Amino acid sequence: MKIPHLSSRILHLVCCLAVVVATAACSSSKNVTKSPTSKVAKAASSTANYACKVQANAPTVQTLTAKTKVNLTIAEKKISLSGSLRMKRGDVIQLSMTVPIIGEVCRMEFTRDEVLVVDRINTRYVRASYDQVDFLRSADLDYNVLESIFWNEIFYPGSTNVNAHLDEYTMSSAGTHTLLSLTTAPKLDYAFLTLTESALLDRVTVSSKKVTDSSNLVCAYSDFAKFGAGRFPTHMQLTFAGDKTYGLDISLSSLASNADWQTRTQLSAKYQRIEPEKLFGSLIP
């Protein structure tokens, strides 16, 4: 995600060319009897080839701004707000929520090292690392994973270079969808459901390896629109199911690649810093 546009495209081409070469070498060996090992290698090559197509659909722009309509669900409590989404690759994700006449009432800002949640109504805020926020820690979400989810990209946990790990994914197809699965991570399993014909990412599911743990994170994408050289989902629906259920339903409009905005939120001395449990606890009935 730190890779500039040109370098990213080059990596995609190199990755896909490597798969083509490997497949050609395998099929040209007429006198060699196919073994189970060669079948596994062929399956891995096919998976990597398709994963390259999915990767090639990733937006090439470095910034994104959009107007939003947000439905926030915490346990059984629902809040509907308008606002804006602003993102800069490798740096920040800002989600602002507003109310007519009053203006901004809440802001969420995700950077590499921390999460900032600002409650404008009560002039208070939370500034914490990712492992200090319960639902982020439970889903093992860091900035790299969160950024990939918001940018509609496949990812490899703990790494910014998914291309270096394509041989660890497995692929299966059913109907109009193809599933890329990653089960080699130590704590969680990752499933990337794609639309086979377009190779667009349709849904991401993160779930625990423990049979006794039914918590999971799901992000579903829909209503793809032209943006830059490709297409981008204008509807994202994130749901985290654990001890409590958190939902974030975001509809986007007026997509642009505007870079003229402040990437860090500045707060005046009147704002009081509180612990994450206090802020999120007050929202949960």
Protein backbone atom coordinates (compact mmCIF):
# COMPACT_ATOMS: atom_id res chain seq x y z
CA MET A 1 0.00 0.00 0.00
CA LYS A 2 3.02 2.23 0.27
CA ILE A 3 4.02 1.27 -3.29
CA PRO A 4 3.60 4.15 -5.79
CA HIS A 5 1.23 3.67 -8.74
CA LEU A 6 3.90 2.80 -11.35
CA SER A 7 5.77 0.38 -9.09
CA SER A 8 2.48 -1.27 -8.13
CA ARG A 9 1.58 -1.83 -11.76
CA ILE A 10 5.05 -3.26 -12.45
CA LEU A 11 4.69 -5.69 -9.53
CA HIS A 12 1.30 -6.81 -10.82
CA LEU A 13 2.75 -7.45 -14.30
CA VAL A 14 5.80 -9.27 -12.93
CA CYS A 15 3.55 -11.42 -10.74
CA CYS A 16 1.26 -12.33 -13.62
CA LEU A 17 4.15 -12.95 -16.02
CA ALA A 18 5.78 -15.27 -13.49
CA VAL A 19 2.58 -17.29 -13.32
CA VAL A 20 2.35 -17.51 -17.13
CA VAL A 21 5.98 -18.65 -17.39
CA ALA A 22 5.53 -21.26 -14.67
CA THR A 23 2.38 -22.61 -16.31
CA ALA A 24 4.01 -22.72 -19.75
CA ALA A 25 7.06 -24.55 -18.39
CA CYS A 26 4.84 -27.12 -16.75
CA SER A 27 2.72 -27.79 -19.85
CA SER A 28 5.69 -27.98 -22.22
CA SER A 29 7.31 -30.91 -20.41
CA LYS A 30 5.60 -33.62 -22.50
CA ASN A 31 7.85 -36.47 -21.37
CA VAL A 32 7.41 -35.88 -17.67
CA THR A 33 4.66 -37.79 -15.89
CA LYS A 34 2.39 -35.46 -13.91
CA SER A 35 2.73 -36.05 -10.18
CA PRO A 36 0.61 -34.90 -7.23
CA THR A 37 3.29 -32.27 -6.60
CA SER A 38 2.93 -30.86 -10.13
CA LYS A 39 -0.85 -30.70 -9.66
CA VAL A 40 -0.39 -28.72 -6.46
CA ALA A 41 2.03 -26.38 -8.23
CA LYS A 42 -0.43 -25.90 -11.08
CA ALA A 43 -3.24 -25.12 -8.63
CA ALA A 44 -1.01 -22.62 -6.83
CA SER A 45 -0.12 -20.97 -10.14
CA SER A 46 -3.78 -20.73 -11.12
CA THR A 47 -4.61 -19.18 -7.74
CA ALA A 48 -1.78 -16.67 -7.99
CA ASN A 49 -2.84 -15.81 -11.52
CA TYR A 50 -6.40 -15.05 -10.42
CA ALA A 51 -5.20 -13.17 -7.33
CA CYS A 52 -3.13 -10.98 -9.67
CA LYS A 53 -6.31 -10.11 -11.57
CA VAL A 54 -8.03 -9.14 -8.32
CA GLN A 55 -5.00 -7.07 -7.31
CA ALA A 56 -4.99 -5.31 -10.68
CA ASN A 57 -8.50 -4.03 -9.90
CA ALA A 58 -7.22 -2.12 -6.88
CA PRO A 59 -7.65 1.67 -7.27
CA THR A 60 -4.54 3.40 -8.57
CA VAL A 61 -5.32 6.80 -7.06
CA GLN A 62 -3.53 7.81 -3.86
CA THR A 63 -6.34 9.84 -2.28
CA LEU A 64 -10.12 9.49 -2.14
CA THR A 65 -12.80 11.85 -0.90
CA ALA A 66 -16.55 11.23 -0.88
CA LYS A 67 -19.81 12.31 0.68
CA THR A 68 -21.36 9.64 2.89
CA LYS A 69 -24.56 8.44 4.42
CA VAL A 70 -23.77 6.34 7.48
CA ASN A 71 -25.90 3.96 9.51
CA LEU A 72 -24.11 3.06 12.73
CA THR A 73 -25.35 0.10 14.78
CA ILE A 74 -24.03 -0.72 18.26
CA ALA A 75 -25.80 -3.65 19.87
CA GLU A 76 -29.48 -2.73 19.24
CA LYS A 77 -28.92 1.01 19.00
CA LYS A 78 -29.00 2.57 15.52
CA ILE A 79 -27.87 6.02 14.43
CA SER A 80 -28.20 7.47 10.91
CA LEU A 81 -25.95 10.35 9.88
CA SER A 82 -24.46 12.01 6.82
CA GLY A 83 -20.82 13.02 6.50
CA SER A 84 -17.65 12.44 4.52
CA LEU A 85 -14.91 9.88 3.95
CA ARG A 86 -11.34 10.97 3.20
CA MET A 87 -8.43 8.59 2.67
CA LYS A 88 -4.76 8.89 1.79
CA ARG A 89 -2.92 5.68 0.99
CA GLY A 90 -0.43 4.50 3.59
CA ASP A 91 -1.31 7.39 5.87
CA VAL A 92 -4.86 8.01 7.09
CA ILE A 93 -8.57 7.19 6.93
CA GLN A 94 -10.99 9.87 8.18
CA LEU A 95 -14.70 9.27 8.58
CA SER A 96 -16.69 12.33 9.62
CA MET A 97 -20.36 12.23 10.67
CA THR A 98 -22.59 15.31 10.70
CA VAL A 99 -26.08 16.46 11.67
CA PRO A 100 -27.95 19.25 9.82
CA ILE A 101 -27.58 22.69 11.47
CA ILE A 102 -25.28 21.32 14.20
CA GLY A 103 -22.48 20.20 11.84
CA GLU A 104 -19.89 17.51 12.66
CA VAL A 105 -20.81 15.45 15.72
CA CYS A 106 -18.29 12.62 15.46
CA ARG A 107 -15.04 11.84 13.70
CA MET A 108 -13.07 8.61 13.41
CA GLU A 109 -9.47 8.90 12.28
CA PHE A 110 -7.26 5.86 11.67
CA THR A 111 -3.51 6.26 11.17
CA ARG A 112 -0.68 3.73 11.23
CA ASP A 113 -0.12 3.95 14.97
CA GLU A 114 -3.43 4.92 16.53
CA VAL A 115 -7.18 5.41 16.44
CA LEU A 116 -8.75 8.78 17.19
CA VAL A 117 -12.49 9.05 17.91
CA VAL A 118 -13.83 12.55 18.56
CA ASP A 119 -17.19 13.17 20.27
CA ARG A 120 -17.95 16.79 19.32
CA ILE A 121 -21.22 16.95 21.26
CA ASN A 122 -19.61 16.17 24.62
CA THR A 123 -16.18 17.66 23.75
CA ARG A 124 -14.28 14.48 24.51
CA TYR A 125 -12.10 12.07 22.55
CA VAL A 126 -10.37 8.71 22.54
CA ARG A 127 -6.81 8.33 21.31
CA ALA A 128 -5.61 4.74 21.52
CA SER A 129 -3.51 2.07 19.84
CA TYR A 130 -5.33 -0.63 17.89
CA ASP A 131 -4.88 -3.23 20.63
CA GLN A 132 -6.59 -0.92 23.15
CA VAL A 133 -9.93 -0.96 21.30
CA ASP A 134 -11.80 -4.18 22.02
CA PHE A 135 -13.46 -4.89 18.68
CA LEU A 136 -10.34 -3.93 16.71
CA ARG A 137 -8.16 -6.16 18.87
CA SER A 138 -10.60 -9.08 18.66
CA ALA A 139 -10.60 -8.90 14.86
CA ASP A 140 -6.80 -8.45 14.84
CA LEU A 141 -7.20 -5.24 12.83
CA ASP A 142 -4.21 -2.98 12.30
CA TYR A 143 -3.95 -0.05 9.93
CA ASN A 144 -2.81 -2.15 6.96
CA VAL A 145 -5.82 -4.45 7.18
CA LEU A 146 -8.27 -1.62 7.80
CA GLU A 147 -6.89 0.37 4.87
CA SER A 148 -7.23 -2.63 2.54
CA ILE A 149 -10.84 -3.11 3.64
CA PHE A 150 -11.73 0.53 2.96
CA TRP A 151 -9.87 0.52 -0.37
CA ASN A 152 -11.57 -2.72 -1.50
CA GLU A 153 -8.37 -4.81 -1.72
CA ILE A 154 -7.24 -8.27 -0.68
CA PHE A 155 -4.54 -8.27 1.99
CA TYR A 156 -2.10 -10.41 3.92
CA PRO A 157 -2.12 -9.74 7.69
CA GLY A 158 1.11 -8.27 9.04
CA SER A 159 2.48 -7.35 5.62
CA THR A 160 2.12 -4.43 3.20
CA ASN A 161 3.15 -6.63 0.24
CA VAL A 162 0.38 -9.10 -0.52
CA ASN A 163 2.13 -10.14 -3.77
CA ALA A 164 4.88 -11.83 -1.75
CA HIS A 165 2.32 -14.21 -0.17
CA LEU A 166 0.07 -15.19 -3.08
CA ASP A 167 1.21 -18.84 -2.85
CA GLU A 168 -0.44 -19.09 0.59
CA TYR A 169 -3.98 -18.50 -0.72
CA THR A 170 -6.25 -21.26 -1.98
CA MET A 171 -8.99 -20.85 -4.57
CA SER A 172 -12.43 -22.35 -5.09
CA SER A 173 -15.26 -21.39 -7.43
CA ALA A 174 -19.03 -21.67 -7.27
CA GLY A 175 -21.49 -20.11 -9.67
CA THR A 176 -20.60 -16.50 -10.40
CA HIS A 177 -18.15 -16.22 -7.49
CA THR A 178 -14.56 -17.22 -6.75
CA LEU A 179 -13.27 -17.51 -3.21
CA LEU A 180 -9.67 -16.81 -2.22
CA SER A 181 -8.98 -18.25 1.24
CA LEU A 182 -6.08 -17.67 3.60
CA THR A 183 -5.88 -20.18 6.44
CA THR A 184 -2.14 -20.08 7.24
CA ALA A 185 -2.33 -17.07 9.59
CA PRO A 186 -1.87 -18.12 13.23
CA LYS A 187 -5.08 -16.83 14.88
CA LEU A 188 -7.64 -16.00 12.21
CA ASP A 189 -8.91 -17.22 8.85
CA TYR A 190 -9.50 -14.83 5.96
CA ALA A 191 -11.91 -15.30 3.05
CA PHE A 192 -12.07 -13.00 0.02
CA LEU A 193 -15.16 -13.58 -2.10
CA THR A 194 -14.88 -12.13 -5.61
CA LEU A 195 -17.06 -11.78 -8.70
CA THR A 196 -15.44 -14.21 -11.12
CA GLU A 197 -16.15 -12.40 -14.40
CA SER A 198 -14.82 -9.01 -13.24
CA ALA A 199 -12.41 -10.20 -10.49
CA LEU A 200 -13.84 -7.47 -8.24
CA LEU A 201 -13.73 -8.05 -4.48
CA ASP A 202 -17.28 -8.64 -3.27
CA ARG A 203 -16.89 -9.57 0.40
CA VAL A 204 -14.21 -10.04 3.06
CA THR A 205 -14.74 -12.31 6.07
CA VAL A 206 -12.36 -12.59 9.03
CA SER A 207 -13.12 -15.35 11.52
CA SER A 208 -11.48 -17.09 14.45
CA LYS A 209 -9.80 -20.47 14.12
CA LYS A 210 -11.31 -21.51 17.46
CA VAL A 211 -14.46 -23.60 17.13
CA THR A 212 -15.76 -22.08 20.37
CA ASP A 213 -15.32 -18.51 19.09
CA SER A 214 -18.11 -17.43 16.74
CA SER A 215 -17.02 -13.80 16.45
CA ASN A 216 -16.28 -12.52 12.96
CA LEU A 217 -15.80 -9.42 10.86
CA VAL A 218 -17.56 -9.12 7.50
CA CYS A 219 -17.29 -6.34 4.94
CA ALA A 220 -19.63 -6.56 1.94
CA TYR A 221 -19.23 -4.33 -1.13
CA SER A 222 -21.77 -3.36 -3.79
CA ASP A 223 -22.83 -0.69 -6.29
CA PHE A 224 -19.48 -0.36 -8.05
CA ALA A 225 -18.98 2.91 -9.93
CA LYS A 226 -16.27 4.19 -12.25
CA PHE A 227 -13.45 5.85 -10.30
CA GLY A 228 -10.08 6.71 -11.79
CA ALA A 229 -9.00 3.94 -14.17
CA GLY A 230 -11.18 1.31 -12.50
CA ARG A 231 -14.28 0.77 -10.41
CA PHE A 232 -14.92 1.38 -6.70
CA PRO A 233 -17.77 0.24 -4.41
CA THR A 234 -20.14 3.04 -3.41
CA HIS A 235 -21.71 0.87 -0.71
CA MET A 236 -19.77 -0.82 2.12
CA GLN A 237 -21.37 -2.74 4.94
CA LEU A 238 -19.07 -3.66 7.84
CA THR A 239 -20.31 -5.92 10.63
CA PHE A 240 -18.39 -7.16 13.63
CA ALA A 241 -20.17 -9.88 15.61
CA GLY A 242 -18.79 -10.69 19.04
CA ASP A 243 -20.07 -10.14 22.57
CA LYS A 244 -21.77 -7.11 21.05
CA THR A 245 -22.60 -6.46 17.39
CA TYR A 246 -21.18 -3.38 15.70
CA GLY A 247 -22.36 -2.34 12.26
CA LEU A 248 -21.20 0.41 9.92
CA ASP A 249 -23.21 0.82 6.72
CA ILE A 250 -21.66 3.44 4.41
CA SER A 251 -23.07 4.76 1.13
CA LEU A 252 -20.70 6.93 -0.92
CA SER A 253 -21.34 9.64 -3.51
CA SER A 254 -19.34 12.38 -5.27
CA LEU A 255 -16.14 10.30 -5.37
CA ALA A 256 -13.02 12.36 -6.13
CA SER A 257 -9.24 12.13 -5.78
CA ASN A 258 -8.91 15.52 -4.07
CA ALA A 259 -5.75 15.81 -1.93
CA ASP A 260 -6.44 19.30 -0.54
CA TRP A 261 -7.44 18.47 3.05
CA GLN A 262 -5.83 18.15 6.48
CA THR A 263 -4.66 14.62 7.15
CA ARG A 264 -4.56 15.06 10.93
CA THR A 265 -7.30 16.29 13.26
CA GLN A 266 -6.34 19.10 15.64
CA LEU A 267 -8.25 19.40 18.92
CA SER A 268 -8.43 22.40 21.25
CA ALA A 269 -7.68 22.25 24.96
CA LYS A 270 -11.40 22.12 25.81
CA TYR A 271 -11.58 18.48 24.70
CA GLN A 272 -11.23 15.86 27.42
CA ARG A 273 -9.42 12.61 26.75
CA ILE A 274 -11.22 9.49 27.99
CA GLU A 275 -10.62 5.74 27.86
CA PRO A 276 -12.08 3.73 24.95
CA GLU A 277 -14.35 1.68 27.22
CA LYS A 278 -15.97 4.85 28.58
CA LEU A 279 -16.85 6.24 25.17
CA PHE A 280 -18.01 3.01 23.56
CA GLY A 281 -19.69 1.90 26.77
CA SER A 282 -21.84 5.02 26.83
CA LEU A 283 -23.11 4.19 23.33
CA ILE A 284 -24.15 0.64 24.20
CA PRO A 285 -27.53 0.29 25.94
